[in-house]
mmCIF file of all heavy atoms, coordinates in Angstrom:
data_MODEL
# 
_entry.id   MODEL 
# 
loop_
_atom_site.group_PDB 
_atom_site.id 
_atom_site.type_symbol 
_atom_site.label_atom_id 
_atom_site.label_alt_id 
_atom_site.label_comp_id 
_atom_site.label_asym_id 
_atom_site.label_entity_id 
_atom_site.label_seq_id 
_atom_site.pdbx_PDB_ins_code 
_atom_site.Cartn_x 
_atom_site.Cartn_y 
_atom_site.Cartn_z 
_atom_site.occupancy 
_atom_site.B_iso_or_equiv 
_atom_site.pdbx_formal_charge 
_atom_site.auth_seq_id 
_atom_site.auth_comp_id 
_atom_site.auth_asym_id 
_atom_site.auth_atom_id 
_atom_site.pdbx_PDB_model_num 
ATOM 1   N N   . LEU A 1 1  ? 1.169   5.451  -47.553 1.00 0.00 ? 1  LEU A N   1 
ATOM 2   C CA  . LEU A 1 1  ? 2.440   6.182  -47.578 1.00 0.00 ? 1  LEU A CA  1 
ATOM 3   C C   . LEU A 1 1  ? 3.324   5.799  -46.394 1.00 0.00 ? 1  LEU A C   1 
ATOM 4   O O   . LEU A 1 1  ? 4.539   5.676  -46.532 1.00 0.00 ? 1  LEU A O   1 
ATOM 5   C CB  . LEU A 1 1  ? 2.180   7.690  -47.591 1.00 0.00 ? 1  LEU A CB  1 
ATOM 6   C CG  . LEU A 1 1  ? 1.666   8.271  -48.911 1.00 0.00 ? 1  LEU A CG  1 
ATOM 7   C CD1 . LEU A 1 1  ? 1.166   9.689  -48.697 1.00 0.00 ? 1  LEU A CD1 1 
ATOM 8   C CD2 . LEU A 1 1  ? 2.757   8.242  -49.979 1.00 0.00 ? 1  LEU A CD2 1 
ATOM 9   N N   . MET A 1 2  ? 2.712   5.598  -45.245 1.00 0.00 ? 2  MET A N   1 
ATOM 10  C CA  . MET A 1 2  ? 3.471   5.181  -44.074 1.00 0.00 ? 2  MET A CA  1 
ATOM 11  C C   . MET A 1 2  ? 4.080   3.791  -44.294 1.00 0.00 ? 2  MET A C   1 
ATOM 12  O O   . MET A 1 2  ? 5.257   3.552  -43.969 1.00 0.00 ? 2  MET A O   1 
ATOM 13  C CB  . MET A 1 2  ? 2.568   5.172  -42.836 1.00 0.00 ? 2  MET A CB  1 
ATOM 14  C CG  . MET A 1 2  ? 3.302   4.872  -41.538 1.00 0.00 ? 2  MET A CG  1 
ATOM 15  S SD  . MET A 1 2  ? 4.577   6.107  -41.144 1.00 0.00 ? 2  MET A SD  1 
ATOM 16  C CE  . MET A 1 2  ? 3.527   7.520  -40.719 1.00 0.00 ? 2  MET A CE  1 
ATOM 17  N N   . ILE A 1 3  ? 3.293   2.885  -44.860 1.00 0.00 ? 3  ILE A N   1 
ATOM 18  C CA  . ILE A 1 3  ? 3.796   1.542  -45.156 1.00 0.00 ? 3  ILE A CA  1 
ATOM 19  C C   . ILE A 1 3  ? 4.980   1.612  -46.122 1.00 0.00 ? 3  ILE A C   1 
ATOM 20  O O   . ILE A 1 3  ? 5.958   0.865  -45.994 1.00 0.00 ? 3  ILE A O   1 
ATOM 21  C CB  . ILE A 1 3  ? 2.675   0.665  -45.754 1.00 0.00 ? 3  ILE A CB  1 
ATOM 22  C CG1 . ILE A 1 3  ? 1.618   0.353  -44.690 1.00 0.00 ? 3  ILE A CG1 1 
ATOM 23  C CG2 . ILE A 1 3  ? 3.242   -0.643 -46.325 1.00 0.00 ? 3  ILE A CG2 1 
ATOM 24  C CD1 . ILE A 1 3  ? 0.381   -0.318 -45.222 1.00 0.00 ? 3  ILE A CD1 1 
ATOM 25  N N   . LEU A 1 4  ? 4.907   2.546  -47.072 1.00 0.00 ? 4  LEU A N   1 
ATOM 26  C CA  . LEU A 1 4  ? 5.948   2.694  -48.085 1.00 0.00 ? 4  LEU A CA  1 
ATOM 27  C C   . LEU A 1 4  ? 7.129   3.536  -47.594 1.00 0.00 ? 4  LEU A C   1 
ATOM 28  O O   . LEU A 1 4  ? 8.038   3.840  -48.360 1.00 0.00 ? 4  LEU A O   1 
ATOM 29  C CB  . LEU A 1 4  ? 5.354   3.302  -49.358 1.00 0.00 ? 4  LEU A CB  1 
ATOM 30  C CG  . LEU A 1 4  ? 4.381   2.380  -50.117 1.00 0.00 ? 4  LEU A CG  1 
ATOM 31  C CD1 . LEU A 1 4  ? 3.637   3.156  -51.196 1.00 0.00 ? 4  LEU A CD1 1 
ATOM 32  C CD2 . LEU A 1 4  ? 5.126   1.193  -50.723 1.00 0.00 ? 4  LEU A CD2 1 
ATOM 33  N N   . GLY A 1 5  ? 7.080   3.935  -46.324 1.00 0.00 ? 5  GLY A N   1 
ATOM 34  C CA  . GLY A 1 5  ? 8.205   4.647  -45.730 1.00 0.00 ? 5  GLY A CA  1 
ATOM 35  C C   . GLY A 1 5  ? 8.271   6.121  -46.046 1.00 0.00 ? 5  GLY A C   1 
ATOM 36  O O   . GLY A 1 5  ? 9.322   6.746  -45.897 1.00 0.00 ? 5  GLY A O   1 
ATOM 37  N N   . GLN A 1 6  ? 7.146   6.711  -46.448 1.00 0.00 ? 6  GLN A N   1 
ATOM 38  C CA  . GLN A 1 6  ? 7.106   8.140  -46.773 1.00 0.00 ? 6  GLN A CA  1 
ATOM 39  C C   . GLN A 1 6  ? 6.369   8.879  -45.656 1.00 0.00 ? 6  GLN A C   1 
ATOM 40  O O   . GLN A 1 6  ? 5.244   9.343  -45.810 1.00 0.00 ? 6  GLN A O   1 
ATOM 41  C CB  . GLN A 1 6  ? 6.431   8.355  -48.127 1.00 0.00 ? 6  GLN A CB  1 
ATOM 42  C CG  . GLN A 1 6  ? 7.139   7.624  -49.276 1.00 0.00 ? 6  GLN A CG  1 
ATOM 43  C CD  . GLN A 1 6  ? 6.432   7.788  -50.599 1.00 0.00 ? 6  GLN A CD  1 
ATOM 44  O OE1 . GLN A 1 6  ? 6.038   8.897  -50.986 1.00 0.00 ? 6  GLN A OE1 1 
ATOM 45  N NE2 . GLN A 1 6  ? 6.258   6.684  -51.316 1.00 0.00 ? 6  GLN A NE2 1 
ATOM 46  N N   . GLY A 1 7  ? 7.038   8.948  -44.505 1.00 0.00 ? 7  GLY A N   1 
ATOM 47  C CA  . GLY A 1 7  ? 6.407   9.459  -43.294 1.00 0.00 ? 7  GLY A CA  1 
ATOM 48  C C   . GLY A 1 7  ? 5.897   10.885 -43.385 1.00 0.00 ? 7  GLY A C   1 
ATOM 49  O O   . GLY A 1 7  ? 4.805   11.196 -42.907 1.00 0.00 ? 7  GLY A O   1 
ATOM 50  N N   . GLU A 1 8  ? 6.685   11.783 -43.977 1.00 0.00 ? 8  GLU A N   1 
ATOM 51  C CA  . GLU A 1 8  ? 6.286   13.185 -44.044 1.00 0.00 ? 8  GLU A CA  1 
ATOM 52  C C   . GLU A 1 8  ? 5.020   13.359 -44.877 1.00 0.00 ? 8  GLU A C   1 
ATOM 53  O O   . GLU A 1 8  ? 4.089   14.067 -44.478 1.00 0.00 ? 8  GLU A O   1 
ATOM 54  C CB  . GLU A 1 8  ? 7.430   14.011 -44.642 1.00 0.00 ? 8  GLU A CB  1 
ATOM 55  C CG  . GLU A 1 8  ? 7.196   15.520 -44.553 1.00 0.00 ? 8  GLU A CG  1 
ATOM 56  C CD  . GLU A 1 8  ? 8.418   16.318 -44.963 1.00 0.00 ? 8  GLU A CD  1 
ATOM 57  O OE1 . GLU A 1 8  ? 9.541   15.765 -44.915 1.00 0.00 ? 8  GLU A OE1 1 
ATOM 58  O OE2 . GLU A 1 8  ? 8.247   17.494 -45.332 1.00 0.00 ? 8  GLU A OE2 1 
ATOM 59  N N   . GLU A 1 9  ? 4.984   12.700 -46.036 1.00 0.00 ? 9  GLU A N   1 
ATOM 60  C CA  . GLU A 1 9  ? 3.792   12.782 -46.883 1.00 0.00 ? 9  GLU A CA  1 
ATOM 61  C C   . GLU A 1 9  ? 2.606   12.096 -46.213 1.00 0.00 ? 9  GLU A C   1 
ATOM 62  O O   . GLU A 1 9  ? 1.457   12.536 -46.361 1.00 0.00 ? 9  GLU A O   1 
ATOM 63  C CB  . GLU A 1 9  ? 4.066   12.144 -48.236 1.00 0.00 ? 9  GLU A CB  1 
ATOM 64  C CG  . GLU A 1 9  ? 5.029   12.929 -49.111 1.00 0.00 ? 9  GLU A CG  1 
ATOM 65  C CD  . GLU A 1 9  ? 5.166   12.301 -50.487 1.00 0.00 ? 9  GLU A CD  1 
ATOM 66  O OE1 . GLU A 1 9  ? 4.144   12.110 -51.164 1.00 0.00 ? 9  GLU A OE1 1 
ATOM 67  O OE2 . GLU A 1 9  ? 6.300   11.985 -50.867 1.00 0.00 ? 9  GLU A OE2 1 
ATOM 68  N N   . ALA A 1 10 ? 2.889   11.019 -45.480 1.00 0.00 ? 10 ALA A N   1 
ATOM 69  C CA  . ALA A 1 10 ? 1.818   10.311 -44.768 1.00 0.00 ? 10 ALA A CA  1 
ATOM 70  C C   . ALA A 1 10 ? 1.175   11.218 -43.727 1.00 0.00 ? 10 ALA A C   1 
ATOM 71  O O   . ALA A 1 10 ? -0.055  11.263 -43.596 1.00 0.00 ? 10 ALA A O   1 
ATOM 72  C CB  . ALA A 1 10 ? 2.371   9.055  -44.109 1.00 0.00 ? 10 ALA A CB  1 
ATOM 73  N N   . PHE A 1 11 ? 1.996   11.969 -43.000 1.00 0.00 ? 11 PHE A N   1 
ATOM 74  C CA  . PHE A 1 11 ? 1.463   12.877 -41.984 1.00 0.00 ? 11 PHE A CA  1 
ATOM 75  C C   . PHE A 1 11 ? 0.609   13.970 -42.623 1.00 0.00 ? 11 PHE A C   1 
ATOM 76  O O   . PHE A 1 11 ? -0.455  14.323 -42.107 1.00 0.00 ? 11 PHE A O   1 
ATOM 77  C CB  . PHE A 1 11 ? 2.607   13.516 -41.188 1.00 0.00 ? 11 PHE A CB  1 
ATOM 78  C CG  . PHE A 1 11 ? 2.133   14.513 -40.167 1.00 0.00 ? 11 PHE A CG  1 
ATOM 79  C CD1 . PHE A 1 11 ? 1.542   14.088 -38.984 1.00 0.00 ? 11 PHE A CD1 1 
ATOM 80  C CD2 . PHE A 1 11 ? 2.252   15.881 -40.398 1.00 0.00 ? 11 PHE A CD2 1 
ATOM 81  C CE1 . PHE A 1 11 ? 1.084   15.006 -38.044 1.00 0.00 ? 11 PHE A CE1 1 
ATOM 82  C CE2 . PHE A 1 11 ? 1.797   16.794 -39.464 1.00 0.00 ? 11 PHE A CE2 1 
ATOM 83  C CZ  . PHE A 1 11 ? 1.216   16.361 -38.287 1.00 0.00 ? 11 PHE A CZ  1 
ATOM 84  N N   . ALA A 1 12 ? 1.070   14.501 -43.755 1.00 0.00 ? 12 ALA A N   1 
ATOM 85  C CA  . ALA A 1 12 ? 0.310   15.549 -44.454 1.00 0.00 ? 12 ALA A CA  1 
ATOM 86  C C   . ALA A 1 12 ? -1.049  15.015 -44.907 1.00 0.00 ? 12 ALA A C   1 
ATOM 87  O O   . ALA A 1 12 ? -2.068  15.708 -44.810 1.00 0.00 ? 12 ALA A O   1 
ATOM 88  C CB  . ALA A 1 12 ? 1.108   16.060 -45.651 1.00 0.00 ? 12 ALA A CB  1 
ATOM 89  N N   . ALA A 1 13 ? -1.074  13.762 -45.406 1.00 0.00 ? 13 ALA A N   1 
ATOM 90  C CA  . ALA A 1 13 ? -2.330  13.158 -45.849 1.00 0.00 ? 13 ALA A CA  1 
ATOM 91  C C   . ALA A 1 13 ? -3.263  12.927 -44.664 1.00 0.00 ? 13 ALA A C   1 
ATOM 92  O O   . ALA A 1 13 ? -4.473  13.154 -44.753 1.00 0.00 ? 13 ALA A O   1 
ATOM 93  C CB  . ALA A 1 13 ? -2.057  11.849 -46.579 1.00 0.00 ? 13 ALA A CB  1 
ATOM 94  N N   . TYR A 1 14 ? -2.697  12.474 -43.536 1.00 0.00 ? 14 TYR A N   1 
ATOM 95  C CA  . TYR A 1 14 ? -3.501  12.250 -42.336 1.00 0.00 ? 14 TYR A CA  1 
ATOM 96  C C   . TYR A 1 14 ? -4.090  13.572 -41.833 1.00 0.00 ? 14 TYR A C   1 
ATOM 97  O O   . TYR A 1 14 ? -5.260  13.634 -41.433 1.00 0.00 ? 14 TYR A O   1 
ATOM 98  C CB  . TYR A 1 14 ? -2.643  11.613 -41.252 1.00 0.00 ? 14 TYR A CB  1 
ATOM 99  C CG  . TYR A 1 14 ? -3.391  11.389 -39.958 1.00 0.00 ? 14 TYR A CG  1 
ATOM 100 C CD1 . TYR A 1 14 ? -4.256  10.316 -39.818 1.00 0.00 ? 14 TYR A CD1 1 
ATOM 101 C CD2 . TYR A 1 14 ? -3.241  12.274 -38.889 1.00 0.00 ? 14 TYR A CD2 1 
ATOM 102 C CE1 . TYR A 1 14 ? -4.965  10.122 -38.640 1.00 0.00 ? 14 TYR A CE1 1 
ATOM 103 C CE2 . TYR A 1 14 ? -3.941  12.082 -37.710 1.00 0.00 ? 14 TYR A CE2 1 
ATOM 104 C CZ  . TYR A 1 14 ? -4.795  11.002 -37.590 1.00 0.00 ? 14 TYR A CZ  1 
ATOM 105 O OH  . TYR A 1 14 ? -5.501  10.821 -36.422 1.00 0.00 ? 14 TYR A OH  1 
ATOM 106 N N   . LYS A 1 15 ? -3.286  14.624 -41.871 1.00 0.00 ? 15 LYS A N   1 
ATOM 107 C CA  . LYS A 1 15 ? -3.762  15.938 -41.438 1.00 0.00 ? 15 LYS A CA  1 
ATOM 108 C C   . LYS A 1 15 ? -4.910  16.407 -42.317 1.00 0.00 ? 15 LYS A C   1 
ATOM 109 O O   . LYS A 1 15 ? -5.904  16.947 -41.827 1.00 0.00 ? 15 LYS A O   1 
ATOM 110 C CB  . LYS A 1 15 ? -2.608  16.945 -41.499 1.00 0.00 ? 15 LYS A CB  1 
ATOM 111 C CG  . LYS A 1 15 ? -2.969  18.329 -40.986 1.00 0.00 ? 15 LYS A CG  1 
ATOM 112 C CD  . LYS A 1 15 ? -1.765  19.258 -41.035 1.00 0.00 ? 15 LYS A CD  1 
ATOM 113 C CE  . LYS A 1 15 ? -2.141  20.657 -40.543 1.00 0.00 ? 15 LYS A CE  1 
ATOM 114 N NZ  . LYS A 1 15 ? -0.983  21.582 -40.618 1.00 0.00 ? 15 LYS A NZ  1 
ATOM 115 N N   . ARG A 1 16 ? -4.775  16.176 -43.614 1.00 0.00 ? 16 ARG A N   1 
ATOM 116 C CA  . ARG A 1 16 ? -5.841  16.566 -44.547 1.00 0.00 ? 16 ARG A CA  1 
ATOM 117 C C   . ARG A 1 16 ? -7.125  15.779 -44.271 1.00 0.00 ? 16 ARG A C   1 
ATOM 118 O O   . ARG A 1 16 ? -8.225  16.341 -44.289 1.00 0.00 ? 16 ARG A O   1 
ATOM 119 C CB  . ARG A 1 16 ? -5.383  16.332 -45.988 1.00 0.00 ? 16 ARG A CB  1 
ATOM 120 C CG  . ARG A 1 16 ? -6.422  16.702 -47.042 1.00 0.00 ? 16 ARG A CG  1 
ATOM 121 C CD  . ARG A 1 16 ? -6.787  18.158 -46.982 1.00 0.00 ? 16 ARG A CD  1 
ATOM 122 N NE  . ARG A 1 16 ? -7.721  18.542 -48.029 1.00 0.00 ? 16 ARG A NE  1 
ATOM 123 C CZ  . ARG A 1 16 ? -8.585  19.541 -47.927 1.00 0.00 ? 16 ARG A CZ  1 
ATOM 124 N NH1 . ARG A 1 16 ? -8.635  20.276 -46.813 1.00 0.00 ? 16 ARG A NH1 1 
ATOM 125 N NH2 . ARG A 1 16 ? -9.391  19.829 -48.925 1.00 0.00 ? 16 ARG A NH2 1 
ATOM 126 N N   . ALA A 1 17 ? -6.979  14.470 -44.005 1.00 0.00 ? 17 ALA A N   1 
ATOM 127 C CA  . ALA A 1 17 ? -8.147  13.636 -43.702 1.00 0.00 ? 17 ALA A CA  1 
ATOM 128 C C   . ALA A 1 17 ? -8.863  14.148 -42.453 1.00 0.00 ? 17 ALA A C   1 
ATOM 129 O O   . ALA A 1 17 ? -10.091 14.221 -42.409 1.00 0.00 ? 17 ALA A O   1 
ATOM 130 C CB  . ALA A 1 17 ? -7.723  12.180 -43.502 1.00 0.00 ? 17 ALA A CB  1 
ATOM 131 N N   . THR A 1 18 ? -8.071  14.513 -41.435 1.00 0.00 ? 18 THR A N   1 
ATOM 132 C CA  . THR A 1 18 ? -8.646  15.024 -40.183 1.00 0.00 ? 18 THR A CA  1 
ATOM 133 C C   . THR A 1 18 ? -9.388  16.335 -40.423 1.00 0.00 ? 18 THR A C   1 
ATOM 134 O O   . THR A 1 18 ? -10.492 16.538 -39.896 1.00 0.00 ? 18 THR A O   1 
ATOM 135 C CB  . THR A 1 18 ? -7.540  15.231 -39.136 1.00 0.00 ? 18 THR A CB  1 
ATOM 136 O OG1 . THR A 1 18 ? -6.865  13.983 -38.921 1.00 0.00 ? 18 THR A OG1 1 
ATOM 137 C CG2 . THR A 1 18 ? -8.117  15.722 -37.825 1.00 0.00 ? 18 THR A CG2 1 
ATOM 138 N N   . GLU A 1 19 ? -8.791  17.215 -41.212 1.00 0.00 ? 19 GLU A N   1 
ATOM 139 C CA  . GLU A 1 19 ? -9.439  18.496 -41.526 1.00 0.00 ? 19 GLU A CA  1 
ATOM 140 C C   . GLU A 1 19 ? -10.768 18.286 -42.238 1.00 0.00 ? 19 GLU A C   1 
ATOM 141 O O   . GLU A 1 19 ? -11.772 18.937 -41.919 1.00 0.00 ? 19 GLU A O   1 
ATOM 142 C CB  . GLU A 1 19 ? -8.511  19.346 -42.401 1.00 0.00 ? 19 GLU A CB  1 
ATOM 143 C CG  . GLU A 1 19 ? -7.276  19.865 -41.680 1.00 0.00 ? 19 GLU A CG  1 
ATOM 144 C CD  . GLU A 1 19 ? -6.272  20.490 -42.628 1.00 0.00 ? 19 GLU A CD  1 
ATOM 145 O OE1 . GLU A 1 19 ? -6.446  20.353 -43.860 1.00 0.00 ? 19 GLU A OE1 1 
ATOM 146 O OE2 . GLU A 1 19 ? -5.295  21.108 -42.140 1.00 0.00 ? 19 GLU A OE2 1 
ATOM 147 N N   . LEU A 1 20 ? -10.788 17.375 -43.198 1.00 0.00 ? 20 LEU A N   1 
ATOM 148 C CA  . LEU A 1 20 ? -12.020 17.112 -43.947 1.00 0.00 ? 20 LEU A CA  1 
ATOM 149 C C   . LEU A 1 20 ? -13.086 16.497 -43.052 1.00 0.00 ? 20 LEU A C   1 
ATOM 150 O O   . LEU A 1 20 ? -14.270 16.845 -43.158 1.00 0.00 ? 20 LEU A O   1 
ATOM 151 C CB  . LEU A 1 20 ? -11.719 16.174 -45.125 1.00 0.00 ? 20 LEU A CB  1 
ATOM 152 C CG  . LEU A 1 20 ? -10.938 16.795 -46.280 1.00 0.00 ? 20 LEU A CG  1 
ATOM 153 C CD1 . LEU A 1 20 ? -10.479 15.717 -47.255 1.00 0.00 ? 20 LEU A CD1 1 
ATOM 154 C CD2 . LEU A 1 20 ? -11.785 17.834 -47.021 1.00 0.00 ? 20 LEU A CD2 1 
ATOM 155 N N   . ARG A 1 21 ? -12.668 15.598 -42.149 1.00 0.00 ? 21 ARG A N   1 
ATOM 156 C CA  . ARG A 1 21 ? -13.619 14.957 -41.250 1.00 0.00 ? 21 ARG A CA  1 
ATOM 157 C C   . ARG A 1 21 ? -14.242 15.980 -40.304 1.00 0.00 ? 21 ARG A C   1 
ATOM 158 O O   . ARG A 1 21 ? -15.455 15.979 -40.066 1.00 0.00 ? 21 ARG A O   1 
ATOM 159 C CB  . ARG A 1 21 ? -12.916 13.846 -40.470 1.00 0.00 ? 21 ARG A CB  1 
ATOM 160 C CG  . ARG A 1 21 ? -13.867 12.907 -39.728 1.00 0.00 ? 21 ARG A CG  1 
ATOM 161 C CD  . ARG A 1 21 ? -13.108 11.768 -39.065 1.00 0.00 ? 21 ARG A CD  1 
ATOM 162 N NE  . ARG A 1 21 ? -12.375 10.993 -40.048 1.00 0.00 ? 21 ARG A NE  1 
ATOM 163 C CZ  . ARG A 1 21 ? -11.042 10.895 -40.072 1.00 0.00 ? 21 ARG A CZ  1 
ATOM 164 N NH1 . ARG A 1 21 ? -10.304 11.520 -39.167 1.00 0.00 ? 21 ARG A NH1 1 
ATOM 165 N NH2 . ARG A 1 21 ? -10.448 10.156 -40.977 1.00 0.00 ? 21 ARG A NH2 1 
ATOM 166 N N   . GLN A 1 22 ? -13.403 16.864 -39.773 1.00 0.00 ? 22 GLN A N   1 
ATOM 167 C CA  . GLN A 1 22 ? -13.912 17.899 -38.866 1.00 0.00 ? 22 GLN A CA  1 
ATOM 168 C C   . GLN A 1 22 ? -14.831 18.861 -39.597 1.00 0.00 ? 22 GLN A C   1 
ATOM 169 O O   . GLN A 1 22 ? -15.853 19.304 -39.059 1.00 0.00 ? 22 GLN A O   1 
ATOM 170 C CB  . GLN A 1 22 ? -12.745 18.655 -38.232 1.00 0.00 ? 22 GLN A CB  1 
ATOM 171 C CG  . GLN A 1 22 ? -11.930 17.835 -37.249 1.00 0.00 ? 22 GLN A CG  1 
ATOM 172 C CD  . GLN A 1 22 ? -12.765 17.324 -36.084 1.00 0.00 ? 22 GLN A CD  1 
ATOM 173 O OE1 . GLN A 1 22 ? -13.676 17.997 -35.603 1.00 0.00 ? 22 GLN A OE1 1 
ATOM 174 N NE2 . GLN A 1 22 ? -12.459 16.130 -35.634 1.00 0.00 ? 22 GLN A NE2 1 
ATOM 175 N N   . SER A 1 23 ? -14.483 19.185 -40.843 1.00 0.00 ? 23 SER A N   1 
ATOM 176 C CA  . SER A 1 23 ? -15.314 20.079 -41.642 1.00 0.00 ? 23 SER A CA  1 
ATOM 177 C C   . SER A 1 23 ? -16.692 19.468 -41.883 1.00 0.00 ? 23 SER A C   1 
ATOM 178 O O   . SER A 1 23 ? -17.722 20.144 -41.775 1.00 0.00 ? 23 SER A O   1 
ATOM 179 C CB  . SER A 1 23 ? -14.633 20.366 -42.983 1.00 0.00 ? 23 SER A CB  1 
ATOM 180 O OG  . SER A 1 23 ? -15.459 21.154 -43.811 1.00 0.00 ? 23 SER A OG  1 
ATOM 181 N N   . LEU A 1 24 ? -16.707 18.170 -42.170 1.00 0.00 ? 24 LEU A N   1 
ATOM 182 C CA  . LEU A 1 24 ? -17.977 17.483 -42.387 1.00 0.00 ? 24 LEU A CA  1 
ATOM 183 C C   . LEU A 1 24 ? -18.811 17.485 -41.116 1.00 0.00 ? 24 LEU A C   1 
ATOM 184 O O   . LEU A 1 24 ? -20.019 17.739 -41.152 1.00 0.00 ? 24 LEU A O   1 
ATOM 185 C CB  . LEU A 1 24 ? -17.723 16.042 -42.845 1.00 0.00 ? 24 LEU A CB  1 
ATOM 186 C CG  . LEU A 1 24 ? -18.966 15.158 -42.996 1.00 0.00 ? 24 LEU A CG  1 
ATOM 187 C CD1 . LEU A 1 24 ? -19.914 15.742 -44.038 1.00 0.00 ? 24 LEU A CD1 1 
ATOM 188 C CD2 . LEU A 1 24 ? -18.567 13.731 -43.361 1.00 0.00 ? 24 LEU A CD2 1 
ATOM 189 N N   . LYS A 1 25 ? -18.175 17.234 -39.983 1.00 0.00 ? 25 LYS A N   1 
ATOM 190 C CA  . LYS A 1 25 ? -18.905 17.216 -38.712 1.00 0.00 ? 25 LYS A CA  1 
ATOM 191 C C   . LYS A 1 25 ? -19.495 18.586 -38.413 1.00 0.00 ? 25 LYS A C   1 
ATOM 192 O O   . LYS A 1 25 ? -20.622 18.692 -37.913 1.00 0.00 ? 25 LYS A O   1 
ATOM 193 C CB  . LYS A 1 25 ? -17.978 16.771 -37.579 1.00 0.00 ? 25 LYS A CB  1 
ATOM 194 C CG  . LYS A 1 25 ? -17.657 15.289 -37.615 1.00 0.00 ? 25 LYS A CG  1 
ATOM 195 C CD  . LYS A 1 25 ? -16.794 14.884 -36.431 1.00 0.00 ? 25 LYS A CD  1 
ATOM 196 C CE  . LYS A 1 25 ? -16.539 13.381 -36.419 1.00 0.00 ? 25 LYS A CE  1 
ATOM 197 N NZ  . LYS A 1 25 ? -15.714 12.962 -35.270 1.00 0.00 ? 25 LYS A NZ  1 
ATOM 198 N N   . ARG A 1 26 ? -18.728 19.651 -38.719 1.00 0.00 ? 26 ARG A N   1 
ATOM 199 C CA  . ARG A 1 26 ? -19.256 20.993 -38.472 1.00 0.00 ? 26 ARG A CA  1 
ATOM 200 C C   . ARG A 1 26 ? -20.480 21.264 -39.348 1.00 0.00 ? 26 ARG A C   1 
ATOM 201 O O   . ARG A 1 26 ? -21.449 21.883 -38.898 1.00 0.00 ? 26 ARG A O   1 
ATOM 202 C CB  . ARG A 1 26 ? -18.173 22.042 -38.710 1.00 0.00 ? 26 ARG A CB  1 
ATOM 203 C CG  . ARG A 1 26 ? -17.118 22.078 -37.609 1.00 0.00 ? 26 ARG A CG  1 
ATOM 204 C CD  . ARG A 1 26 ? -16.363 23.389 -37.584 1.00 0.00 ? 26 ARG A CD  1 
ATOM 205 N NE  . ARG A 1 26 ? -15.579 23.607 -38.788 1.00 0.00 ? 26 ARG A NE  1 
ATOM 206 C CZ  . ARG A 1 26 ? -14.345 23.161 -38.965 1.00 0.00 ? 26 ARG A CZ  1 
ATOM 207 N NH1 . ARG A 1 26 ? -13.760 22.420 -38.029 1.00 0.00 ? 26 ARG A NH1 1 
ATOM 208 N NH2 . ARG A 1 26 ? -13.689 23.425 -40.071 1.00 0.00 ? 26 ARG A NH2 1 
ATOM 209 N N   . LYS A 1 27 ? -20.441 20.776 -40.578 1.00 0.00 ? 27 LYS A N   1 
ATOM 210 C CA  . LYS A 1 27 ? -21.593 20.963 -41.464 1.00 0.00 ? 27 LYS A CA  1 
ATOM 211 C C   . LYS A 1 27 ? -22.818 20.242 -40.923 1.00 0.00 ? 27 LYS A C   1 
ATOM 212 O O   . LYS A 1 27 ? -23.946 20.743 -41.027 1.00 0.00 ? 27 LYS A O   1 
ATOM 213 C CB  . LYS A 1 27 ? -21.258 20.458 -42.873 1.00 0.00 ? 27 LYS A CB  1 
ATOM 214 C CG  . LYS A 1 27 ? -20.290 21.353 -43.630 1.00 0.00 ? 27 LYS A CG  1 
ATOM 215 C CD  . LYS A 1 27 ? -19.951 20.792 -44.992 1.00 0.00 ? 27 LYS A CD  1 
ATOM 216 C CE  . LYS A 1 27 ? -18.950 21.684 -45.724 1.00 0.00 ? 27 LYS A CE  1 
ATOM 217 N NZ  . LYS A 1 27 ? -18.565 21.114 -47.042 1.00 0.00 ? 27 LYS A NZ  1 
ATOM 218 N N   . ILE A 1 28 ? -22.591 19.053 -40.330 1.00 0.00 ? 28 ILE A N   1 
ATOM 219 C CA  . ILE A 1 28 ? -23.718 18.322 -39.733 1.00 0.00 ? 28 ILE A CA  1 
ATOM 220 C C   . ILE A 1 28 ? -24.256 19.083 -38.523 1.00 0.00 ? 28 ILE A C   1 
ATOM 221 O O   . ILE A 1 28 ? -25.469 19.161 -38.312 1.00 0.00 ? 28 ILE A O   1 
ATOM 222 C CB  . ILE A 1 28 ? -23.283 16.896 -39.336 1.00 0.00 ? 28 ILE A CB  1 
ATOM 223 C CG1 . ILE A 1 28 ? -22.892 16.115 -40.598 1.00 0.00 ? 28 ILE A CG1 1 
ATOM 224 C CG2 . ILE A 1 28 ? -24.407 16.177 -38.589 1.00 0.00 ? 28 ILE A CG2 1 
ATOM 225 C CD1 . ILE A 1 28 ? -22.330 14.744 -40.312 1.00 0.00 ? 28 ILE A CD1 1 
ATOM 226 N N   . VAL A 1 29 ? -23.358 19.684 -37.733 1.00 0.00 ? 29 VAL A N   1 
ATOM 227 C CA  . VAL A 1 29 ? -23.800 20.512 -36.596 1.00 0.00 ? 29 VAL A CA  1 
ATOM 228 C C   . VAL A 1 29 ? -24.642 21.671 -37.111 1.00 0.00 ? 29 VAL A C   1 
ATOM 229 O O   . VAL A 1 29 ? -25.683 22.008 -36.518 1.00 0.00 ? 29 VAL A O   1 
ATOM 230 C CB  . VAL A 1 29 ? -22.601 21.024 -35.778 1.00 0.00 ? 29 VAL A CB  1 
ATOM 231 C CG1 . VAL A 1 29 ? -23.066 22.042 -34.731 1.00 0.00 ? 29 VAL A CG1 1 
ATOM 232 C CG2 . VAL A 1 29 ? -21.887 19.865 -35.089 1.00 0.00 ? 29 VAL A CG2 1 
# 
Protein backbone atom coordinates (compact mmCIF):
# COMPACT_ATOMS: atom_id res chain seq x y z
CA LEU A 1 0.00 0.00 0.00
CA MET A 2 2.86 2.36 0.75
CA ILE A 3 4.44 1.60 -2.64
CA LEU A 4 1.06 2.31 -4.27
CA GLY A 5 0.85 5.67 -2.49
CA GLN A 6 -1.93 4.75 -0.04
CA GLY A 7 -0.18 5.93 3.10
CA GLU A 8 -3.15 6.04 5.47
CA GLU A 9 -4.24 2.49 4.66
CA ALA A 10 -0.61 1.37 4.81
CA PHE A 11 -0.26 2.72 8.34
CA ALA A 12 -3.48 0.98 9.43
CA ALA A 13 -2.20 -2.33 8.01
CA TYR A 14 1.17 -1.88 9.73
CA LYS A 15 -0.58 -1.14 13.03
CA ARG A 16 -2.65 -4.30 12.65
CA ALA A 17 0.48 -6.37 11.91
CA THR A 18 2.16 -4.98 15.04
CA GLU A 19 -0.89 -5.77 17.18
CA LEU A 20 -1.01 -9.35 15.92
CA ARG A 21 2.72 -9.83 16.46
CA GLN A 22 2.52 -8.55 20.03
CA SER A 23 -0.52 -10.73 20.69
CA LEU A 24 1.36 -13.79 19.48
CA LYS A 25 4.35 -12.95 21.66
CA ARG A 26 2.10 -12.58 24.70
CA LYS A 27 0.62 -16.01 24.02
CA ILE A 28 4.13 -17.47 23.89
CA VAL A 29 4.90 -15.77 27.24
